[in-house]
Amino acid sequence: MNNRDRILEEARRLMNAHGAQAIGTTQIADALGISPGNLYYHFKNKEEIIRVLFDGLERAFRDVLTVDVDPPIGPARFAGFYLRSFDVVWEYRFIFGGLLNLLRRDEDLSRRYQEMQAWALKNLEAIARQVAEDGNMSKPRGRNGFRSVALNTWLIWSNWIRHVQISSPDHAIVRADMGSGMSQLFDVLAPYLDPDFDRAARRVLAREFTASSADG
């Protein structure tokens, strides 16, 4: 791994552990045993490091919603979307935990996040519509229908870390908290899903999450 990648990996590790506000370039350089000058050779400041890390988050999340989405969408694939999406939340939890502060401090990052959000809502709605076309989801009531399902999905996904932080301020977030987030998301979707489809997807989710937690 080259120095640039080492800096990014260590920055992500430290910020995930302590929050973006608590970590600066000095702490990152010290943790790696390199000089600040070496770090500044690759990155102008902490904000640039965060922007590059956001690149990784965005690529990972876009992959979640564009890989293996051809119809029909069975229970295993449906569960896979949410398992992989919460893996992204876990890997970049410092961004979600400090999202408002990060976006307020960086206009470019704010614009990019809003673009990702708009793109995600469009694709989440398309997935919900496809599951309905496959006969495994009823059409949601209300004026906004599938759009509301997509929005509720996004709100849980993007806010789960902050929910855990606020609910238990002294609790150190662990990967098991992502499992609780996925369960909450499925509880929101349950009224619309075919019961057999819902049960099958939850079984896959529980099995795969347990396996991935053991591996990680």
Protein backbone atom coordinates (compact mmCIF):
# COMPACT_ATOMS: atom_id res chain seq x y z
CA MET A 1 0.00 0.00 0.00
CA ASN A 2 1.46 3.37 -0.99
CA ASN A 3 1.63 6.36 1.37
CA ARG A 4 -1.42 8.07 -0.09
CA ASP A 5 -3.59 5.00 0.46
CA ARG A 6 -2.12 4.49 3.94
CA ILE A 7 -3.08 8.05 4.85
CA LEU A 8 -6.63 7.53 3.64
CA GLU A 9 -7.02 4.22 5.44
CA GLU A 10 -5.63 5.56 8.72
CA ALA A 11 -7.72 8.72 8.48
CA ARG A 12 -10.85 6.64 8.02
CA ARG A 13 -9.93 4.38 10.93
CA LEU A 14 -9.23 7.28 13.29
CA MET A 15 -12.30 9.27 12.28
CA ASN A 16 -14.52 6.21 12.60
CA ALA A 17 -13.17 5.66 16.10
CA HIS A 18 -13.18 9.26 17.35
CA GLY A 19 -15.25 11.36 14.94
CA ALA A 20 -14.08 13.68 12.17
CA GLN A 21 -14.02 16.76 14.40
CA ALA A 22 -11.61 15.15 16.86
CA ILE A 23 -9.02 14.16 14.26
CA GLY A 24 -6.65 16.44 12.36
CA THR A 25 -3.75 15.95 10.00
CA THR A 26 -1.26 15.90 12.89
CA GLN A 27 -2.96 12.91 14.54
CA ILE A 28 -3.09 11.08 11.21
CA ALA A 29 0.60 11.68 10.51
CA ASP A 30 1.59 10.70 14.06
CA ALA A 31 -0.41 7.47 13.88
CA LEU A 32 1.38 6.54 10.66
CA GLY A 33 4.80 7.60 11.88
CA ILE A 34 5.28 10.03 9.00
CA SER A 35 6.03 13.74 8.95
CA PRO A 36 3.25 16.30 8.39
CA GLY A 37 5.12 17.33 5.26
CA ASN A 38 4.77 13.82 3.87
CA LEU A 39 1.02 13.97 4.45
CA TYR A 40 0.74 17.44 2.87
CA TYR A 41 2.58 16.17 -0.18
CA HIS A 42 -0.51 14.05 -0.88
CA PHE A 43 -3.32 16.16 0.62
CA LYS A 44 -3.64 19.90 1.18
CA ASN A 45 -5.71 19.55 4.35
CA LYS A 46 -8.14 17.35 6.26
CA GLU A 47 -11.05 18.53 4.12
CA GLU A 48 -9.40 17.12 1.01
CA ILE A 49 -8.88 13.78 2.78
CA ILE A 50 -12.56 13.69 3.69
CA ARG A 51 -13.59 14.49 0.12
CA VAL A 52 -11.51 11.60 -1.20
CA LEU A 53 -12.96 9.28 1.44
CA PHE A 54 -16.42 10.42 0.35
CA ASP A 55 -15.47 9.31 -3.17
CA GLY A 56 -15.10 5.80 -1.77
CA LEU A 57 -18.42 5.97 0.04
CA GLU A 58 -20.21 7.18 -3.07
CA ARG A 59 -18.69 4.49 -5.31
CA ALA A 60 -19.58 1.78 -2.81
CA PHE A 61 -23.17 2.95 -2.40
CA ARG A 62 -23.73 3.36 -6.13
CA ASP A 63 -22.48 -0.20 -6.59
CA VAL A 64 -25.04 -1.40 -4.02
CA LEU A 65 -27.92 -0.03 -6.09
CA THR A 66 -26.65 -0.82 -9.59
CA VAL A 67 -25.03 -4.27 -9.31
CA ASP A 68 -27.33 -7.29 -9.65
CA VAL A 69 -30.60 -5.36 -9.99
CA ASP A 70 -32.06 -7.06 -13.07
CA PRO A 71 -35.58 -8.47 -12.57
CA PRO A 72 -36.89 -10.48 -10.94
CA ILE A 73 -35.63 -9.39 -7.53
CA GLY A 74 -35.93 -12.37 -5.18
CA PRO A 75 -35.66 -12.36 -1.37
CA ALA A 76 -31.90 -13.02 -1.34
CA ARG A 77 -31.11 -10.17 -3.72
CA PHE A 78 -33.53 -7.84 -1.96
CA ALA A 79 -31.88 -8.58 1.39
CA GLY A 80 -28.49 -8.13 -0.25
CA PHE A 81 -29.23 -4.50 -1.14
CA TYR A 82 -29.76 -3.61 2.50
CA LEU A 83 -26.96 -5.76 3.87
CA ARG A 84 -24.46 -4.12 1.54
CA SER A 85 -25.87 -0.64 2.14
CA PHE A 86 -25.38 -0.96 5.89
CA ASP A 87 -21.88 -2.31 5.29
CA VAL A 88 -21.20 1.05 3.61
CA VAL A 89 -22.64 2.90 6.61
CA TRP A 90 -20.35 0.92 8.91
CA GLU A 91 -17.23 1.47 6.82
CA TYR A 92 -17.84 5.24 6.63
CA ARG A 93 -19.67 5.80 9.92
CA PHE A 94 -17.71 8.96 10.73
CA ILE A 95 -19.39 10.67 7.77
CA PHE A 96 -22.90 9.73 8.85
CA GLY A 97 -22.22 10.48 12.51
CA GLY A 98 -20.96 13.99 11.75
CA LEU A 99 -22.85 14.60 8.53
CA LEU A 100 -24.43 17.98 9.24
CA ASN A 101 -21.19 19.52 10.47
CA LEU A 102 -19.22 18.13 7.53
CA LEU A 103 -21.71 19.44 4.98
CA ARG A 104 -21.89 22.87 6.59
CA ARG A 105 -18.11 23.18 6.46
CA ASP A 106 -17.68 22.10 2.85
CA GLU A 107 -19.94 23.46 0.11
CA ASP A 108 -18.60 21.04 -2.50
CA LEU A 109 -19.18 18.04 -0.23
CA SER A 110 -22.71 19.28 0.50
CA ARG A 111 -23.49 19.52 -3.21
CA ARG A 112 -22.14 16.05 -3.89
CA TYR A 113 -24.08 14.53 -1.00
CA GLN A 114 -27.31 16.08 -2.26
CA GLU A 115 -26.63 14.70 -5.73
CA MET A 116 -26.01 11.24 -4.30
CA GLN A 117 -29.21 11.49 -2.27
CA ALA A 118 -31.29 12.44 -5.32
CA TRP A 119 -29.76 9.59 -7.31
CA ALA A 120 -30.34 7.12 -4.46
CA LEU A 121 -34.00 8.04 -4.06
CA LYS A 122 -34.59 7.50 -7.76
CA ASN A 123 -32.95 4.07 -7.68
CA LEU A 124 -34.56 2.98 -4.41
CA GLU A 125 -37.94 3.85 -5.89
CA ALA A 126 -37.13 1.83 -9.01
CA ILE A 127 -36.19 -1.20 -6.89
CA ALA A 128 -39.46 -0.94 -4.92
CA ARG A 129 -41.45 -0.70 -8.15
CA GLN A 130 -39.69 -3.76 -9.53
CA VAL A 131 -40.43 -5.81 -6.40
CA ALA A 132 -44.09 -4.79 -6.78
CA GLU A 133 -44.08 -5.77 -10.46
CA ASP A 134 -42.65 -9.13 -9.42
CA GLY A 135 -45.73 -9.58 -7.21
CA ASN A 136 -43.90 -9.34 -3.88
CA MET A 137 -44.90 -5.84 -2.76
CA SER A 138 -48.24 -4.09 -2.66
CA LYS A 139 -48.57 -0.57 -4.01
CA PRO A 140 -48.16 1.86 -1.11
CA ARG A 141 -51.11 4.08 -0.32
CA GLY A 142 -50.77 7.82 -0.32
CA ARG A 143 -50.04 10.45 -2.90
CA ASN A 144 -46.32 9.71 -3.17
CA GLY A 145 -46.56 5.92 -3.09
CA PHE A 146 -43.27 4.26 -3.97
CA ARG A 147 -41.42 7.55 -3.56
CA SER A 148 -42.37 7.56 0.13
CA VAL A 149 -41.08 4.01 0.52
CA ALA A 150 -37.79 5.10 -1.06
CA LEU A 151 -37.57 8.16 1.18
CA ASN A 152 -38.26 6.19 4.36
CA THR A 153 -35.59 3.69 3.34
CA TRP A 154 -33.09 6.49 2.74
CA LEU A 155 -33.91 8.24 6.02
CA ILE A 156 -33.25 5.11 8.08
CA TRP A 157 -30.09 4.25 6.15
CA SER A 158 -28.54 7.72 6.28
CA ASN A 159 -29.58 8.59 9.85
CA TRP A 160 -29.12 5.31 11.69
CA ILE A 161 -25.68 6.14 13.08
CA ARG A 162 -26.92 9.45 14.49
CA HIS A 163 -29.98 7.73 15.96
CA VAL A 164 -27.72 5.32 17.85
CA GLN A 165 -25.45 8.17 18.97
CA ILE A 166 -28.35 10.24 20.31
CA SER A 167 -30.18 7.31 21.90
CA SER A 168 -27.09 6.10 23.77
CA PRO A 169 -24.50 8.91 24.01
CA ASP A 170 -22.08 6.77 26.04
CA HIS A 171 -22.42 3.75 23.76
CA ALA A 172 -19.50 2.99 21.45
CA ILE A 173 -21.08 2.08 18.12
CA VAL A 174 -20.43 -1.52 17.11
CA ARG A 175 -21.22 -3.45 13.97
CA ALA A 176 -24.16 -5.19 15.66
CA ASP A 177 -25.90 -1.80 15.64
CA MET A 178 -26.06 -2.09 11.85
CA GLY A 179 -28.11 -5.26 12.27
CA SER A 180 -30.62 -3.30 14.36
CA GLY A 181 -30.81 -0.71 11.59
CA MET A 182 -31.55 -3.35 8.98
CA SER A 183 -34.27 -4.84 11.18
CA GLN A 184 -35.85 -1.42 11.60
CA LEU A 185 -35.78 -0.87 7.86
CA PHE A 186 -37.51 -4.19 7.22
CA ASP A 187 -40.12 -3.37 9.87
CA VAL A 188 -40.96 -0.22 7.88
CA LEU A 189 -41.18 -2.21 4.64
CA ALA A 190 -43.11 -5.15 6.14
CA PRO A 191 -46.65 -3.72 5.62
CA TYR A 192 -46.00 -3.60 1.87
CA LEU A 193 -44.10 -6.86 1.38
CA ASP A 194 -45.63 -10.25 0.71
CA PRO A 195 -45.34 -12.08 4.08
CA ASP A 196 -43.50 -15.08 2.61
CA PHE A 197 -41.12 -12.79 0.74
CA ASP A 198 -40.52 -10.75 3.90
CA ARG A 199 -39.76 -13.82 6.01
CA ALA A 200 -37.44 -15.27 3.38
CA ALA A 201 -35.56 -11.98 3.00
CA ARG A 202 -35.17 -11.61 6.77
CA ARG A 203 -33.76 -15.14 7.03
CA VAL A 204 -31.18 -14.32 4.37
CA LEU A 205 -30.38 -11.04 6.08
CA ALA A 206 -29.86 -12.68 9.48
CA ARG A 207 -27.72 -15.47 8.05
CA GLU A 208 -25.53 -13.24 5.89
CA PHE A 209 -25.11 -10.55 8.53
CA THR A 210 -24.03 -13.13 11.10
CA ALA A 211 -21.56 -14.63 8.63
CA SER A 212 -20.11 -11.26 7.61
CA SER A 213 -19.81 -10.19 11.26
CA ALA A 214 -17.86 -13.35 12.04
CA ASP A 215 -15.55 -12.72 9.08
CA GLY A 216 -15.04 -9.06 10.00
